[in-house]
C-alpha cells in the first residue's frame, strides 16, 4: 500500500474545527459529507483530504491527544 503524505498544519486544523463543530460523531458526519450527503460542509481543505487520503484513511485517523471532542 502506498504511504500517504503527513497532514499539514492547515489540514489538521481543519479536522480539529470539524470535530469541534460536529462532536463525537464527527467522522461519520464527515464521511457522509464526502459521499455527498448533508451537511455539505466539507469544502476546501477537507475535500482535498478526501481526494488525497480517502474515507478508509479517515476511519483509522485519530486527532492528537489533548484535542477535546464533544
Protein backbone atom coordinates (compact mmCIF):
# COMPACT_ATOMS: atom_id res chain seq x y z
CA UNK A 1 0.00 0.00 0.00
CA UNK A 2 1.23 3.48 -0.86
CA UNK A 3 2.27 5.65 2.08
CA UNK A 4 0.14 8.76 2.45
CA UNK A 5 1.71 12.17 2.98
CA UNK A 6 1.57 13.50 6.54
CA UNK A 7 -1.09 16.07 7.34
CA UNK A 8 -0.15 19.69 7.09
CA UNK A 9 -0.92 22.09 9.93
CA UNK A 10 -3.77 23.51 7.82
CA UNK A 11 -5.28 20.05 7.24
CA UNK A 12 -5.03 19.11 10.91
CA UNK A 13 -6.60 22.42 11.95
CA UNK A 14 -9.48 21.85 9.51
CA UNK A 15 -10.13 18.40 11.00
CA UNK A 16 -9.97 19.80 14.53
CA UNK A 17 -12.52 22.52 13.67
CA UNK A 18 -14.79 19.95 12.05
CA UNK A 19 -14.57 17.68 15.09
CA UNK A 20 -15.35 20.59 17.42
CA UNK A 21 -18.33 21.57 15.29
CA UNK A 22 -19.84 18.08 14.94
CA UNK A 23 -18.94 16.46 18.25
CA UNK A 24 -18.05 12.86 18.90
CA UNK A 25 -19.65 11.55 15.68
CA UNK A 26 -17.62 13.94 13.53
CA UNK A 27 -16.00 11.18 11.48
CA UNK A 28 -19.30 9.66 10.40
CA UNK A 29 -20.66 13.14 9.59
CA UNK A 30 -17.56 13.93 7.52
CA UNK A 31 -17.63 10.55 5.79
CA UNK A 32 -21.25 11.20 4.84
CA UNK A 33 -20.39 14.66 3.53
CA UNK A 34 -17.58 13.10 1.50
CA UNK A 35 -20.17 10.76 -0.02
CA UNK A 36 -22.45 13.66 -0.96
CA UNK A 37 -24.83 13.78 1.99
CA UNK A 38 -25.83 16.75 4.13
CA UNK A 39 -24.50 18.87 5.80
CA UNK A 40 -22.31 19.56 2.70
CA UNK A 41 -19.76 21.43 4.81
CA UNK A 42 -16.66 19.58 3.68
CA UNK A 43 -15.36 22.08 1.15
CA UNK A 44 -11.81 23.25 0.60
CA UNK A 45 -9.18 21.52 2.69
CA UNK A 46 -11.46 18.69 3.82
CA UNK A 47 -12.46 17.89 0.24
CA UNK A 48 -8.80 17.81 -0.72
CA UNK A 49 -8.17 15.33 2.11
CA UNK A 50 -10.94 13.15 0.74
CA UNK A 51 -9.21 13.14 -2.62
CA UNK A 52 -5.70 12.53 -1.29
CA UNK A 53 -6.31 10.27 1.72
CA UNK A 54 -9.84 8.88 1.33
CA UNK A 55 -12.58 7.57 3.61
CA UNK A 56 -10.68 4.45 4.68
CA UNK A 57 -7.87 6.66 5.99
CA UNK A 58 -10.43 8.67 7.99
CA UNK A 59 -11.62 5.50 9.74
CA UNK A 60 -8.19 4.97 11.26
CA UNK A 61 -7.32 8.60 11.89
CA UNK A 62 -7.23 9.91 15.46
CA UNK A 63 -6.90 13.52 16.49
CA UNK A 64 -3.77 14.21 18.52
CA UNK A 65 -4.17 13.70 22.27
CA UNK A 66 -5.46 16.70 24.12
CA UNK A 67 -7.96 17.59 21.42
CA UNK A 68 -11.29 17.62 23.21
CA UNK A 69 -14.19 16.04 21.37
CA UNK A 70 -17.75 16.68 22.45
